[in-house]
Amino acid sequence: MSTLCVIPARGGSKGVPRKNLLDVGGKPLIVWTIEQALATPGLDVVVSTDDEEIADVARAAGVEVPWLRPAELAQDTTPTEPVVRHAIDQATAERGRPDAVMLLQATSPVRHDGTLARALAEFGDTGVDSMVGVVEQPPFIWQAGDPPTAAYDVAARPRRQDLTDATRRYRETGSLYVTRTEVYERHDNRLGGRIGLFVMAEDEGIDIDTELDVALAARLLHAR
């Protein structure tokens, strides 16, 4: 199976300015994800960016940036799916249509050695159409309302040690997705068809959106 790995990296960012180039643990943030992808056999890795400086940093890290993303796909309101579709179209025109796409978000830099290879293997072995990276979440989730409602039976509060596969809850990390190309083509969505969960380690669930996230990610990456 040929797999295109797309790392989106827009030049603008709101919470942390120039986030993709921010020094995190001694490297620009995006470089962590680039290096993880390049170390994974079976991935055709590209960075999709509208920003020349990000493109230069990505190329210096050893990855292809064969085109710059058009401005209309680099707005604050631009969803990720059209960006991936653009990368699919560009890659298809240059070297043939990929069978699947791995989407990696540079803002989730903490991934263990072998995580991406394990994701590819699980995707192939399970035969799912799309797969979403998740981390286990405590089941004590509430939804606001009148009255508020719990995602568990408040009359029989569960204990962690009693959780089963049916009662465990997971949070989407935003870190990685693996999707058959036809799902993007048919649904314009990274998730569709038969969806599988790819369970990641708890520390792999960090998503950088604030300065505190930056400090925590740097500490985790340094510890590794």
Protein backbone atom coordinates (compact mmCIF):
# COMPACT_ATOMS: atom_id res chain seq x y z
CA MET A 1 0.00 0.00 0.00
CA SER A 2 1.41 3.39 -0.98
CA THR A 3 0.89 5.98 1.73
CA LEU A 4 1.23 9.72 1.31
CA CYS A 5 2.13 11.41 4.59
CA VAL A 6 0.90 15.00 4.73
CA ILE A 7 2.15 17.43 7.39
CA PRO A 8 0.14 20.67 7.17
CA ALA A 9 1.93 23.80 8.43
CA ARG A 10 0.25 27.15 7.93
CA GLY A 11 2.32 30.28 8.44
CA GLY A 12 -0.27 32.08 10.54
CA SER A 13 -1.38 30.95 13.99
CA LYS A 14 -3.47 32.64 16.66
CA GLY A 15 -2.73 31.09 20.08
CA VAL A 16 1.05 30.88 19.70
CA PRO A 17 2.41 33.12 16.88
CA ARG A 18 4.58 31.32 14.27
CA LYS A 19 3.89 28.15 16.21
CA ASN A 20 5.25 25.70 13.65
CA LEU A 21 8.71 27.33 13.85
CA LEU A 22 8.75 27.79 17.62
CA ASP A 23 11.76 26.29 19.38
CA VAL A 24 10.51 23.29 21.32
CA GLY A 25 13.16 21.21 23.05
CA GLY A 26 15.92 22.59 20.83
CA LYS A 27 14.22 22.15 17.44
CA PRO A 28 11.57 24.01 15.46
CA LEU A 29 8.25 22.43 16.37
CA ILE A 30 7.55 21.06 12.89
CA VAL A 31 10.93 19.30 12.71
CA TRP A 32 9.93 16.77 15.38
CA THR A 33 7.07 15.51 13.22
CA ILE A 34 9.15 15.61 10.05
CA GLU A 35 11.89 13.48 11.60
CA GLN A 36 9.38 10.96 12.96
CA ALA A 37 7.76 10.62 9.54
CA LEU A 38 11.05 10.30 7.66
CA ALA A 39 12.17 7.57 10.07
CA THR A 40 9.09 5.48 9.20
CA PRO A 41 9.46 3.10 6.24
CA GLY A 42 6.64 3.17 3.69
CA LEU A 43 5.76 6.86 3.92
CA ASP A 44 5.99 9.38 1.07
CA VAL A 45 6.36 12.51 3.20
CA VAL A 46 5.43 16.05 2.12
CA VAL A 47 4.89 19.29 4.00
CA SER A 48 1.98 21.45 2.87
CA THR A 49 2.61 25.09 3.70
CA ASP A 50 1.95 28.57 2.37
CA ASP A 51 5.03 29.97 4.10
CA GLU A 52 8.51 30.21 2.53
CA GLU A 53 10.31 30.16 5.88
CA ILE A 54 8.49 27.02 7.00
CA ALA A 55 9.27 25.47 3.61
CA ASP A 56 12.98 26.25 4.03
CA VAL A 57 13.06 24.76 7.54
CA ALA A 58 11.24 21.65 6.31
CA ARG A 59 13.63 21.16 3.39
CA ALA A 60 16.60 21.57 5.71
CA ALA A 61 15.13 18.77 7.84
CA GLY A 62 15.16 16.54 4.76
CA VAL A 63 11.55 16.53 3.64
CA GLU A 64 9.99 17.45 0.31
CA VAL A 65 8.07 20.69 -0.09
CA PRO A 66 7.29 20.33 -3.79
CA TRP A 67 4.73 23.15 -3.87
CA LEU A 68 3.44 26.03 -1.79
CA ARG A 69 -0.15 25.86 -0.70
CA PRO A 70 -2.37 28.51 -2.37
CA ALA A 71 -3.48 31.39 -0.16
CA GLU A 72 -7.14 30.33 -0.24
CA LEU A 73 -6.12 27.12 1.54
CA ALA A 74 -4.21 28.95 4.29
CA GLN A 75 -6.91 31.03 5.95
CA ASP A 76 -7.90 30.95 9.63
CA THR A 77 -11.16 29.29 8.62
CA THR A 78 -9.67 26.74 6.20
CA PRO A 79 -10.49 23.16 7.22
CA THR A 80 -7.77 20.53 7.01
CA GLU A 81 -9.56 18.31 4.49
CA PRO A 82 -9.21 20.64 1.45
CA VAL A 83 -5.51 20.96 2.30
CA VAL A 84 -5.11 17.18 2.22
CA ARG A 85 -7.13 16.94 -0.99
CA HIS A 86 -4.81 19.51 -2.57
CA ALA A 87 -1.78 17.45 -1.50
CA ILE A 88 -3.36 14.28 -2.90
CA ASP A 89 -4.04 15.98 -6.23
CA GLN A 90 -0.51 17.38 -6.44
CA ALA A 91 1.12 14.07 -5.51
CA THR A 92 -1.10 12.14 -7.93
CA ALA A 93 -0.14 14.43 -10.80
CA GLU A 94 3.57 14.09 -10.01
CA ARG A 95 3.99 10.43 -9.06
CA GLY A 96 0.67 8.60 -9.02
CA ARG A 97 -2.34 8.32 -6.76
CA PRO A 98 -1.57 7.04 -3.23
CA ASP A 99 -3.64 4.24 -1.73
CA ALA A 100 -3.87 5.95 1.65
CA VAL A 101 -2.96 9.16 3.44
CA MET A 102 -1.39 9.58 6.87
CA LEU A 103 -2.19 13.03 8.24
CA LEU A 104 0.23 14.23 10.93
CA GLN A 105 -0.36 17.43 12.87
CA ALA A 106 2.91 19.20 13.71
CA THR A 107 1.28 20.65 16.82
CA SER A 108 1.35 17.17 18.42
CA PRO A 109 5.12 16.54 18.44
CA VAL A 110 5.27 13.84 21.11
CA ARG A 111 5.20 10.44 19.43
CA HIS A 112 7.09 7.40 20.61
CA ASP A 113 9.61 5.57 18.44
CA GLY A 114 7.66 3.13 16.30
CA THR A 115 4.26 4.77 16.80
CA LEU A 116 3.84 5.69 13.13
CA ALA A 117 4.99 2.26 11.95
CA ARG A 118 2.55 0.65 14.38
CA ALA A 119 -0.25 2.84 13.01
CA LEU A 120 0.50 1.74 9.45
CA ALA A 121 0.61 -1.91 10.50
CA GLU A 122 -2.69 -1.70 12.38
CA PHE A 123 -4.31 0.09 9.48
CA GLY A 124 -3.29 -2.67 7.11
CA ASP A 125 -4.04 -5.55 9.47
CA THR A 126 -7.52 -4.37 10.51
CA GLY A 127 -8.69 -3.45 7.03
CA VAL A 128 -10.45 -0.29 8.25
CA ASP A 129 -11.13 2.59 5.87
CA SER A 130 -9.91 5.26 8.26
CA MET A 131 -8.21 5.34 11.64
CA VAL A 132 -8.01 8.03 14.31
CA GLY A 133 -5.34 8.41 16.98
CA VAL A 134 -6.79 8.45 20.49
CA VAL A 135 -5.72 8.34 24.12
CA GLU A 136 -7.73 6.76 26.90
CA GLN A 137 -9.89 9.25 28.78
CA PRO A 138 -11.35 8.92 32.27
CA PRO A 139 -15.06 8.15 31.88
CA PHE A 140 -16.18 10.96 34.18
CA ILE A 141 -17.35 13.28 31.41
CA TRP A 142 -20.29 15.66 31.77
CA GLN A 143 -22.32 17.60 29.25
CA ALA A 144 -23.72 20.98 30.26
CA GLY A 145 -27.49 21.37 30.17
CA ASP A 146 -30.54 21.70 32.36
CA PRO A 147 -29.97 19.34 34.01
CA PRO A 148 -26.37 18.43 33.14
CA THR A 149 -25.85 14.81 32.08
CA ALA A 150 -23.01 12.41 32.75
CA ALA A 151 -21.47 9.96 30.31
CA TYR A 152 -21.61 7.31 33.04
CA ASP A 153 -24.24 5.95 35.43
CA VAL A 154 -24.07 8.26 38.44
CA ALA A 155 -25.94 5.64 40.49
CA ALA A 156 -23.16 3.14 39.88
CA ARG A 157 -19.95 5.12 39.65
CA PRO A 158 -17.41 3.02 37.74
CA ARG A 159 -13.96 2.24 39.07
CA ARG A 160 -11.02 2.41 36.69
CA GLN A 161 -10.08 -1.19 37.44
CA ASP A 162 -13.58 -2.34 36.48
CA LEU A 163 -13.64 -0.68 33.05
CA THR A 164 -14.15 -2.96 30.06
CA ASP A 165 -13.59 -2.45 26.35
CA ALA A 166 -17.25 -1.48 26.08
CA THR A 167 -17.09 1.14 28.83
CA ARG A 168 -13.68 2.70 28.14
CA ARG A 169 -13.70 6.19 26.63
CA TYR A 170 -11.11 7.75 24.36
CA ARG A 171 -10.16 11.28 23.32
CA GLU A 172 -9.16 12.11 19.76
CA THR A 173 -5.61 13.46 19.94
CA GLY A 174 -5.48 15.26 16.60
CA SER A 175 -1.97 13.82 16.28
CA LEU A 176 -2.48 11.35 13.46
CA TYR A 177 -5.04 9.88 11.08
CA VAL A 178 -4.68 7.21 8.43
CA THR A 179 -7.31 7.21 5.69
CA ARG A 180 -7.91 5.45 2.41
CA THR A 181 -7.66 7.98 -0.39
CA GLU A 182 -11.17 7.23 -1.64
CA VAL A 183 -12.62 8.40 1.69
CA TYR A 184 -11.23 11.88 1.03
CA GLU A 185 -12.43 11.69 -2.56
CA ARG A 186 -15.96 10.60 -1.70
CA HIS A 187 -16.61 12.34 1.60
CA ASP A 188 -14.09 15.21 1.89
CA ASN A 189 -13.40 13.90 5.37
CA ARG A 190 -10.42 12.32 7.10
CA LEU A 191 -12.82 9.86 8.76
CA GLY A 192 -15.33 7.72 6.93
CA GLY A 193 -16.33 4.20 6.07
CA ARG A 194 -15.28 1.70 8.69
CA ILE A 195 -13.41 3.69 11.36
CA GLY A 196 -10.81 2.21 13.69
CA LEU A 197 -9.24 3.55 16.88
CA PHE A 198 -5.47 3.75 17.16
CA VAL A 199 -4.70 3.89 20.88
CA MET A 200 -1.65 5.99 21.71
CA ALA A 201 0.27 6.47 24.95
CA GLU A 202 -1.05 9.12 27.32
CA ASP A 203 1.87 11.51 26.76
CA GLU A 204 1.36 11.34 22.99
CA GLY A 205 -1.95 13.15 23.41
CA ILE A 206 -0.51 16.62 23.96
CA ASP A 207 -1.58 19.31 21.48
CA ILE A 208 0.26 22.62 21.50
CA ASP A 209 -2.10 25.57 21.70
CA THR A 210 -0.68 27.61 24.61
CA GLU A 211 2.70 28.50 26.11
CA LEU A 212 2.05 25.96 28.87
CA ASP A 213 1.60 23.26 26.21
CA VAL A 214 4.95 24.29 24.72
CA ALA A 215 6.73 23.90 28.04
CA LEU A 216 5.12 20.52 28.72
CA ALA A 217 5.95 19.20 25.24
CA ALA A 218 9.58 20.33 25.57
CA ARG A 219 9.87 18.52 28.89
CA LEU A 220 8.36 15.31 27.49
CA LEU A 221 10.54 15.39 24.38
CA HIS A 222 13.67 16.03 26.45
CA ALA A 223 12.79 13.13 28.76
CA ARG A 224 12.53 10.81 25.76
